[in-house]
Amino acid sequence: MSLSQGQKIAVIGAGWAGLCAAIEASQAQHRVIVFEASAHLGGRARSVPFTLPNGQQVQLDNGQHILIGAYRQTLALLDRLGLSQAALFHQTPLSLVYPDGQGLRLPDWPSPVDALCGVLRTSAWSWPERWSLLRILLRWQRTGFRCEPHTSVSALCHDMAPRVFESLIEPLCVSALNTPPTAASAQVFLRVLQDSVMGPRGSSHLLLPRCDLGAMVPQPAAAWLSQRGTQILLKHRIKTLRRIEAGWELDGQAFDQVILATSASHACQLLEASAPALAEADRAQLAPWLHHARALQFEPIATVYAWAQGVRLRQPMLALRTQADQAPAQFVFDRGQLDGPEGLLAFVVSASRGTRSELESQVLSQAKTQLGLDLMPVLTLVEKQATFACTPGLIRPSAQILAGLVACGDYVAGPYPATLEGAIRSARHGAALLCRKDR
């Protein structure tokens, strides 16, 4: 089937993936309508208004995000929207430094020389520990950063010095895959490591947002689409999806093609409700997609915002030492050094466990022990299905669902875990499946 210019495409979902897919389709000269069930843009990477204890109005993200220089597709999207990376991010070479000053810092040199130098320079590990890490990195490089698909990160690093694993690999794994190393896919972890450590200069750099997430992509993307005639309908939940001869019908409105950019669970709900009306061949094709999507398990992420007048950390982001049921946060961010206000800290608890109040109490105790700070809790946000559990050998649902119907989102099959980069890559791939002319 050849897709000519000017066809009518529906995008269901206005998160980062949905907005990016709409941009791709619009740029290919198709008529696009975006449907969003909530009143907000951005999906699981959005900002919410809040009032601090001193009365100051701020925008807080529903989860603190970190980007890295290897996120090429995300950075390309920002360029397309005409946004300045220098204005959006505090960019720094990779630094996993703890409050006591110990940790790993990479110089701003070409890769992989920066990683080699950073490991050799660090005083956090003994020389045998440093050599063990370098030996393992070289082994991964020789194997092309590949391993058996059912290998966990812990198994991959079985012969690594314990202190190196605990202070470097574990926080990198949890922050990138949001899955504990014992249950995390080594192959996906190696892919992220390869793109960052072995990529072009700057690939391993940390990009810490200087603005709230809503201002980073959702708002500029919505403005870009609006200027080109694309409708974005908020508070508009699609209830029925029906196959018709010319394409698909959404709540009685006909479209040539549909991009399903919701969460995996919402996608399953809509598709399961639509399945009885499909032809037998379509139901047979849909069944494995639904099976893989339903099989996904999810991990939560909690962000504990805390505040104290005049507080300032030694740098915008610090790593924290974790301990089960006592010190759950892996990182703390000084929002005063990023987008303000001064004194506001964001503690990130990936793969979080326990109730909101328990996490808040544990993090405040952790701040007192490791940072020496008495903080006032401001807001604790828990995204219960923040990411899929990126486990070894996981089979993720494909982008193509049925003819003229594709899925995009960070859970869809691809080389990356559930990150903003994974969502953007999926969106570009899904839109390309519909917009290519050799179908």
Protein backbone atom coordinates (compact mmCIF):
# COMPACT_ATOMS: atom_id res chain seq x y z
CA MET A 1 0.00 0.00 0.00
CA SER A 2 1.45 3.36 -0.97
CA LEU A 3 0.86 6.22 1.44
CA SER A 4 0.48 9.43 -0.52
CA GLN A 5 0.92 12.86 0.95
CA GLY A 6 -2.00 14.46 2.71
CA GLN A 7 -3.50 11.43 4.40
CA LYS A 8 -5.31 11.79 7.70
CA ILE A 9 -3.43 10.36 10.68
CA ALA A 10 -4.62 10.08 14.27
CA VAL A 11 -2.13 10.09 17.13
CA ILE A 12 -3.58 8.76 20.38
CA GLY A 13 -1.56 10.14 23.28
CA ALA A 14 0.32 13.42 23.74
CA GLY A 15 3.32 12.26 25.72
CA TRP A 16 6.82 12.75 24.34
CA ALA A 17 6.43 9.81 21.93
CA GLY A 18 3.03 10.94 20.66
CA LEU A 19 4.11 14.54 20.12
CA CYS A 20 7.28 13.45 18.33
CA ALA A 21 5.30 11.05 16.11
CA ALA A 22 2.87 13.86 15.28
CA ILE A 23 5.80 16.10 14.31
CA GLU A 24 7.23 13.39 12.04
CA ALA A 25 3.86 12.81 10.32
CA SER A 26 3.15 16.52 10.01
CA GLN A 27 6.55 17.18 8.51
CA ALA A 28 5.77 14.47 5.92
CA GLN A 29 2.79 16.61 4.85
CA HIS A 30 0.05 14.52 6.45
CA ARG A 31 -2.97 15.89 8.28
CA VAL A 32 -2.63 15.00 11.94
CA ILE A 33 -4.97 15.12 14.92
CA VAL A 34 -3.62 14.33 18.39
CA PHE A 35 -5.98 12.97 21.06
CA GLU A 36 -4.98 13.17 24.73
CA ALA A 37 -7.17 11.74 27.50
CA SER A 38 -5.77 13.96 30.25
CA ALA A 39 -5.71 17.73 30.58
CA HIS A 40 -1.91 17.83 30.28
CA LEU A 41 0.77 17.30 27.67
CA GLY A 42 3.89 15.24 28.33
CA GLY A 43 2.59 11.92 29.67
CA ARG A 44 4.96 10.53 32.31
CA ALA A 45 7.49 13.33 31.70
CA ARG A 46 5.52 16.43 32.58
CA SER A 47 5.55 19.28 35.08
CA VAL A 48 3.00 20.21 37.72
CA PRO A 49 2.44 23.57 39.48
CA PHE A 50 3.23 23.76 43.18
CA THR A 51 3.59 26.33 45.97
CA LEU A 52 6.69 26.12 48.19
CA PRO A 53 6.52 26.68 51.96
CA ASN A 54 7.73 30.28 51.44
CA GLY A 55 4.82 30.96 49.08
CA GLN A 56 6.84 30.82 45.88
CA GLN A 57 5.07 29.36 42.82
CA VAL A 58 7.12 26.74 40.97
CA GLN A 59 6.80 24.04 38.32
CA LEU A 60 7.92 20.67 39.65
CA ASP A 61 8.55 17.71 37.38
CA ASN A 62 6.62 14.53 38.09
CA GLY A 63 10.01 12.82 38.07
CA GLN A 64 13.58 14.07 37.88
CA HIS A 65 15.14 13.09 34.55
CA ILE A 66 18.73 12.92 33.38
CA LEU A 67 19.72 12.96 29.73
CA ILE A 68 23.12 12.09 28.30
CA GLY A 69 24.98 13.25 25.24
CA ALA A 70 24.36 9.91 23.52
CA TYR A 71 20.63 10.69 23.26
CA ARG A 72 21.02 11.75 19.62
CA GLN A 73 17.38 11.49 18.58
CA THR A 74 16.16 13.54 21.54
CA LEU A 75 18.74 16.23 20.86
CA ALA A 76 17.80 16.22 17.17
CA LEU A 77 14.16 16.81 18.14
CA LEU A 78 15.17 19.78 20.29
CA ASP A 79 17.13 21.19 17.35
CA ARG A 80 14.10 20.77 15.10
CA LEU A 81 12.00 22.71 17.58
CA GLY A 82 14.56 25.51 17.49
CA LEU A 83 15.61 25.05 21.11
CA SER A 84 19.07 25.86 22.45
CA GLN A 85 20.77 22.94 24.20
CA ALA A 86 22.97 25.38 26.10
CA ALA A 87 19.89 27.10 27.50
CA LEU A 88 18.05 23.86 28.26
CA PHE A 89 20.81 21.90 30.00
CA HIS A 90 23.58 22.14 32.50
CA GLN A 91 26.09 19.99 30.60
CA THR A 92 28.99 18.37 32.36
CA PRO A 93 31.30 15.38 31.78
CA LEU A 94 30.09 12.24 33.51
CA SER A 95 30.42 12.65 37.27
CA LEU A 96 29.25 10.13 39.85
CA VAL A 97 30.50 11.90 42.96
CA TYR A 98 29.24 11.27 46.49
CA PRO A 99 28.77 13.91 49.21
CA ASP A 100 32.19 13.03 50.71
CA GLY A 101 33.87 13.87 47.39
CA GLN A 102 34.63 10.26 46.49
CA GLY A 103 33.55 8.93 43.11
CA LEU A 104 34.26 8.90 39.40
CA ARG A 105 34.79 12.01 37.27
CA LEU A 106 35.54 11.88 33.56
CA PRO A 107 37.51 14.68 31.87
CA ASP A 108 36.09 16.44 28.83
CA TRP A 109 38.17 14.41 26.39
CA PRO A 110 37.32 12.22 23.38
CA SER A 111 36.01 8.74 24.18
CA PRO A 112 37.13 6.22 25.26
CA VAL A 113 40.18 8.14 26.52
CA ASP A 114 37.96 10.10 28.92
CA ALA A 115 36.74 6.89 30.58
CA LEU A 116 40.25 5.44 30.75
CA CYS A 117 41.61 8.60 32.36
CA GLY A 118 38.67 8.92 34.75
CA VAL A 119 39.13 5.38 36.03
CA LEU A 120 42.90 5.75 36.46
CA ARG A 121 42.57 9.10 38.24
CA THR A 122 39.91 8.19 40.78
CA SER A 123 41.04 7.74 44.36
CA ALA A 124 37.83 5.95 45.35
CA TRP A 125 39.24 2.54 44.41
CA SER A 126 42.53 0.77 44.91
CA TRP A 127 44.80 0.11 41.94
CA PRO A 128 43.73 -3.55 41.70
CA GLU A 129 40.08 -2.41 41.69
CA ARG A 130 40.79 0.12 38.92
CA TRP A 131 42.60 -2.46 36.82
CA SER A 132 39.74 -4.93 37.27
CA LEU A 133 37.29 -2.38 35.85
CA LEU A 134 39.55 -1.52 32.91
CA ARG A 135 40.08 -5.21 32.16
CA ILE A 136 36.33 -5.81 32.09
CA LEU A 137 35.67 -2.71 29.95
CA LEU A 138 38.23 -3.94 27.42
CA ARG A 139 36.58 -7.38 27.42
CA TRP A 140 33.18 -5.82 26.70
CA GLN A 141 34.74 -3.79 23.90
CA ARG A 142 36.29 -6.90 22.32
CA THR A 143 32.90 -8.65 22.33
CA GLY A 144 31.22 -5.66 20.69
CA PHE A 145 29.32 -4.88 23.91
CA ARG A 146 27.19 -7.98 23.42
CA CYS A 147 26.35 -10.90 25.65
CA GLU A 148 23.91 -13.77 25.92
CA PRO A 149 20.36 -12.35 25.94
CA HIS A 150 19.36 -13.95 29.24
CA THR A 151 22.31 -12.52 31.19
CA SER A 152 21.63 -10.15 34.08
CA VAL A 153 23.85 -7.16 34.88
CA SER A 154 24.93 -8.83 38.13
CA ALA A 155 25.94 -11.99 36.25
CA LEU A 156 27.75 -9.92 33.62
CA CYS A 157 29.83 -8.30 36.38
CA HIS A 158 30.39 -11.39 38.52
CA ASP A 159 34.17 -10.96 38.51
CA MET A 160 34.19 -7.21 39.10
CA ALA A 161 35.56 -5.78 42.35
CA PRO A 162 32.59 -5.40 44.73
CA ARG A 163 33.30 -1.73 45.56
CA VAL A 164 33.44 -0.84 41.86
CA PHE A 165 30.20 -2.66 41.21
CA GLU A 166 28.39 -1.02 44.14
CA SER A 167 29.58 2.54 43.52
CA LEU A 168 29.56 2.60 39.70
CA ILE A 169 27.69 -0.21 37.95
CA GLU A 170 24.74 -0.41 40.34
CA PRO A 171 23.81 3.32 40.22
CA LEU A 172 24.35 3.41 36.44
CA CYS A 173 22.16 0.35 35.97
CA VAL A 174 19.34 1.54 38.21
CA SER A 175 19.32 5.05 36.71
CA ALA A 176 19.40 3.84 33.10
CA LEU A 177 17.16 0.75 33.29
CA ASN A 178 15.21 1.45 36.51
CA THR A 179 15.71 -2.22 37.32
CA PRO A 180 17.97 -3.71 40.03
CA PRO A 181 21.17 -5.30 38.61
CA THR A 182 20.13 -8.78 39.72
CA ALA A 183 17.07 -8.53 37.45
CA ALA A 184 18.29 -6.11 34.74
CA SER A 185 19.13 -7.00 31.15
CA ALA A 186 22.88 -6.98 30.61
CA GLN A 187 22.45 -6.62 26.84
CA VAL A 188 20.41 -3.41 27.13
CA PHE A 189 22.81 -2.08 29.76
CA LEU A 190 25.77 -2.77 27.47
CA ARG A 191 24.06 -0.98 24.58
CA VAL A 192 23.59 2.18 26.64
CA LEU A 193 27.17 1.89 27.90
CA GLN A 194 28.49 1.44 24.37
CA ASP A 195 26.64 4.49 23.03
CA SER A 196 27.80 6.67 25.91
CA VAL A 197 31.35 5.49 26.65
CA MET A 198 32.34 4.57 23.08
CA GLY A 199 30.33 7.18 21.19
CA PRO A 200 31.51 10.52 19.76
CA ARG A 201 32.99 13.10 22.09
CA GLY A 202 30.43 14.29 24.62
CA SER A 203 28.32 11.12 24.46
CA SER A 204 28.89 10.37 28.14
CA HIS A 205 28.17 13.94 29.23
CA LEU A 206 25.34 14.46 31.71
CA LEU A 207 22.61 16.83 30.54
CA LEU A 208 20.74 18.14 33.58
CA PRO A 209 17.58 20.09 32.68
CA ARG A 210 17.61 23.81 33.47
CA CYS A 211 13.86 24.02 32.89
CA ASP A 212 10.82 21.99 33.82
CA LEU A 213 9.98 19.05 31.56
CA GLY A 214 6.83 20.69 30.22
CA ALA A 215 8.86 23.61 28.89
CA MET A 216 11.50 21.33 27.40
CA VAL A 217 9.46 19.41 24.79
CA PRO A 218 5.67 19.25 25.32
CA GLN A 219 4.97 23.00 25.14
CA PRO A 220 7.39 23.77 22.25
CA ALA A 221 6.17 20.67 20.37
CA ALA A 222 2.54 21.71 20.78
CA ALA A 223 3.38 25.20 19.51
CA TRP A 224 5.27 23.76 16.52
CA LEU A 225 2.32 21.52 15.63
CA SER A 226 -0.26 24.27 16.11
CA GLN A 227 1.65 26.56 13.74
CA ARG A 228 1.32 23.86 11.08
CA GLY A 229 -2.37 23.27 11.55
CA THR A 230 -2.25 20.16 13.74
CA GLN A 231 -5.05 19.85 16.27
CA ILE A 232 -4.27 18.68 19.81
CA LEU A 233 -7.44 17.71 21.65
CA LEU A 234 -6.97 17.49 25.42
CA LYS A 235 -9.45 15.72 27.72
CA HIS A 236 -10.44 13.58 24.76
CA ARG A 237 -10.26 9.87 25.52
CA ILE A 238 -10.67 7.55 22.53
CA LYS A 239 -13.16 4.81 23.43
CA THR A 240 -13.56 2.81 20.21
CA LEU A 241 -11.13 1.82 17.49
CA ARG A 242 -12.73 0.11 14.52
CA ARG A 243 -11.31 -1.20 11.25
CA ILE A 244 -13.02 0.23 8.16
CA GLU A 245 -12.31 -0.35 4.49
CA ALA A 246 -10.42 2.91 4.05
CA GLY A 247 -8.46 2.68 7.29
CA TRP A 248 -9.59 3.11 10.89
CA GLU A 249 -12.47 4.76 12.69
CA LEU A 250 -11.98 6.39 16.11
CA ASP A 251 -15.22 7.13 17.93
CA GLY A 252 -16.96 7.47 14.58
CA GLN A 253 -14.27 9.63 12.93
CA ALA A 254 -12.44 8.12 9.94
CA PHE A 255 -8.64 8.13 9.60
CA ASP A 256 -6.28 6.59 7.07
CA GLN A 257 -3.68 5.61 9.69
CA VAL A 258 -3.40 5.52 13.49
CA ILE A 259 -0.41 5.90 15.81
CA LEU A 260 -1.10 4.47 19.25
CA ALA A 261 1.15 6.43 21.63
CA THR A 262 -0.39 5.61 24.98
CA SER A 263 1.03 3.52 27.81
CA ALA A 264 1.16 -0.23 27.24
CA SER A 265 -1.78 -0.83 29.58
CA HIS A 266 -4.01 1.75 27.90
CA ALA A 267 -3.04 0.42 24.47
CA CYS A 268 -4.06 -3.08 25.55
CA GLN A 269 -7.40 -1.86 26.90
CA LEU A 270 -8.28 -0.12 23.65
CA LEU A 271 -7.12 -2.97 21.44
CA GLU A 272 -8.85 -5.65 23.51
CA ALA A 273 -12.11 -3.70 23.33
CA SER A 274 -11.72 -3.44 19.55
CA ALA A 275 -10.66 -7.05 18.90
CA PRO A 276 -14.12 -8.70 18.69
CA ALA A 277 -15.06 -6.59 15.66
CA LEU A 278 -11.85 -7.42 13.77
CA ALA A 279 -11.57 -10.00 11.04
CA GLU A 280 -10.18 -13.37 12.10
CA ALA A 281 -6.84 -12.75 10.37
CA ASP A 282 -6.44 -9.42 12.19
CA ARG A 283 -7.29 -11.00 15.54
CA ALA A 284 -4.67 -13.69 14.94
CA GLN A 285 -2.07 -11.03 14.12
CA LEU A 286 -3.06 -8.94 17.13
CA ALA A 287 -2.86 -11.81 19.65
CA PRO A 288 0.97 -12.01 19.99
CA TRP A 289 1.24 -8.22 20.28
CA LEU A 290 -1.24 -8.23 23.16
CA HIS A 291 0.52 -11.20 24.76
CA HIS A 292 3.88 -9.42 24.85
CA ALA A 293 2.37 -6.12 26.00
CA ARG A 294 0.41 -7.77 28.82
CA ALA A 295 3.52 -9.66 29.96
CA LEU A 296 5.42 -6.45 30.72
CA GLN A 297 6.11 -5.79 34.38
CA PHE A 298 6.57 -2.26 35.63
CA GLU A 299 8.83 -0.46 38.08
CA PRO A 300 7.96 2.72 40.01
CA ILE A 301 10.11 5.83 40.42
CA ALA A 302 9.69 8.19 43.34
CA THR A 303 10.89 11.79 43.51
CA VAL A 304 11.05 13.35 46.95
CA TYR A 305 11.24 17.15 46.88
CA ALA A 306 12.62 18.72 50.06
CA TRP A 307 13.54 22.26 50.93
CA ALA A 308 15.60 24.34 53.34
CA GLN A 309 16.44 28.03 53.13
CA GLY A 310 19.94 28.68 51.78
CA VAL A 311 20.89 25.06 51.06
CA ARG A 312 23.37 24.55 48.21
CA LEU A 313 25.13 21.30 47.27
CA ARG A 314 28.74 21.12 46.12
CA GLN A 315 27.49 20.48 42.55
CA PRO A 316 24.08 20.21 40.82
CA MET A 317 23.91 16.40 41.10
CA LEU A 318 25.38 14.06 43.68
CA ALA A 319 25.24 10.30 43.93
CA LEU A 320 24.05 8.86 47.24
CA ARG A 321 24.92 5.61 48.98
CA THR A 322 21.89 3.37 49.21
CA GLN A 323 20.82 0.91 51.85
CA ALA A 324 17.64 -1.13 51.73
CA ASP A 325 14.78 0.28 53.84
CA GLN A 326 16.99 3.05 55.21
CA ALA A 327 18.61 5.06 52.41
CA PRO A 328 16.64 4.46 49.19
CA ALA A 329 17.61 7.49 47.04
CA GLN A 330 20.35 6.99 44.45
CA PHE A 331 20.79 10.66 43.46
CA VAL A 332 20.00 14.16 44.70
CA PHE A 333 19.66 17.23 42.47
CA ASP A 334 20.07 20.84 43.56
CA ARG A 335 17.28 22.55 41.66
CA GLY A 336 18.62 25.91 42.79
CA GLN A 337 21.67 25.37 40.59
CA LEU A 338 19.52 24.32 37.65
CA ASP A 339 16.18 26.10 37.29
CA GLY A 340 15.62 27.35 40.84
CA PRO A 341 14.49 28.07 43.44
CA GLU A 342 17.40 28.03 45.87
CA GLY A 343 17.14 25.48 48.62
CA LEU A 344 14.98 22.99 46.68
CA LEU A 345 16.44 19.49 46.38
CA ALA A 346 15.05 16.55 44.38
CA PHE A 347 15.87 13.03 45.60
CA VAL A 348 15.36 10.23 43.08
CA VAL A 349 14.42 6.72 44.17
CA SER A 350 14.49 4.41 41.15
CA ALA A 351 12.73 1.04 41.41
CA SER A 352 11.21 2.39 44.62
CA ARG A 353 9.53 0.26 47.25
CA GLY A 354 7.25 1.15 50.15
CA THR A 355 4.58 3.78 50.62
CA ARG A 356 4.93 7.47 49.83
CA SER A 357 5.20 8.40 53.52
CA GLU A 358 7.78 5.68 54.18
CA LEU A 359 9.95 6.83 51.28
CA GLU A 360 9.72 10.44 52.38
CA SER A 361 10.77 9.59 55.95
CA GLN A 362 13.66 7.41 54.76
CA VAL A 363 14.94 10.03 52.32
CA LEU A 364 14.87 12.81 54.93
CA SER A 365 16.87 10.57 57.26
CA GLN A 366 19.29 9.80 54.41
CA ALA A 367 19.72 13.54 53.76
CA LYS A 368 20.57 14.09 57.42
CA THR A 369 23.07 11.22 57.51
CA GLN A 370 24.82 11.73 54.17
CA LEU A 371 24.39 15.46 53.52
CA GLY A 372 24.15 16.74 57.07
CA LEU A 373 20.92 18.58 56.21
CA ASP A 374 17.66 19.00 58.08
CA LEU A 375 15.11 19.37 55.31
CA MET A 376 11.41 20.12 55.14
CA PRO A 377 9.42 17.73 52.90
CA VAL A 378 7.70 19.59 50.08
CA LEU A 379 6.19 17.00 47.77
CA THR A 380 6.68 13.30 47.14
CA LEU A 381 5.61 12.01 43.73
CA VAL A 382 5.47 8.30 42.93
CA GLU A 383 5.00 7.26 39.31
CA LYS A 384 3.80 3.69 39.89
CA GLN A 385 4.34 2.50 36.31
CA ALA A 386 7.24 4.78 35.43
CA THR A 387 9.09 2.21 33.31
CA PHE A 388 8.86 -1.40 32.27
CA ALA A 389 11.15 -3.79 34.11
CA CYS A 390 14.04 -4.21 31.67
CA THR A 391 14.75 -7.87 32.38
CA PRO A 392 17.03 -10.33 30.54
CA GLY A 393 15.53 -11.88 27.40
CA LEU A 394 12.46 -9.65 27.54
CA ILE A 395 10.38 -9.70 24.34
CA ARG A 396 8.78 -6.29 23.91
CA PRO A 397 5.76 -5.68 21.61
CA SER A 398 6.64 -4.61 18.08
CA ALA A 399 5.89 -1.21 16.57
CA GLN A 400 3.66 -2.68 13.84
CA ILE A 401 0.33 -3.84 15.26
CA LEU A 402 -1.86 -4.17 12.17
CA ALA A 403 -1.87 -2.59 8.73
CA GLY A 404 -2.20 1.15 9.20
CA LEU A 405 -1.90 0.84 12.99
CA VAL A 406 1.41 1.24 14.83
CA ALA A 407 2.46 1.66 18.44
CA CYS A 408 5.13 3.95 19.79
CA GLY A 409 6.40 4.52 23.29
CA ASP A 410 9.39 3.62 25.42
CA TYR A 411 8.02 0.09 25.96
CA VAL A 412 7.96 -0.81 22.26
CA ALA A 413 10.72 -3.08 20.90
CA GLY A 414 14.01 -1.25 20.48
CA PRO A 415 17.61 -1.12 21.69
CA TYR A 416 17.02 1.29 24.56
CA PRO A 417 15.36 0.94 27.97
CA ALA A 418 12.39 3.04 29.09
CA THR A 419 14.00 6.45 28.69
CA LEU A 420 13.08 9.67 26.92
CA GLU A 421 15.48 8.63 24.16
CA GLY A 422 13.71 5.28 23.86
CA ALA A 423 10.36 7.07 23.48
CA ILE A 424 11.68 9.44 20.80
CA ARG A 425 13.37 6.65 18.83
CA SER A 426 10.16 4.63 18.94
CA ALA A 427 8.11 7.60 17.74
CA ARG A 428 10.34 8.21 14.75
CA HIS A 429 10.33 4.53 13.86
CA GLY A 430 6.53 4.22 14.20
CA ALA A 431 5.85 7.29 12.09
CA ALA A 432 8.27 6.02 9.45
CA LEU A 433 6.38 2.71 9.24
CA LEU A 434 3.22 4.60 8.30
CA CYS A 435 4.79 7.27 6.15
CA ARG A 436 7.10 5.16 4.01
CA LYS A 437 5.90 4.67 0.46
CA ASP A 438 6.94 1.07 -0.16
CA ARG A 439 4.34 -0.45 2.15
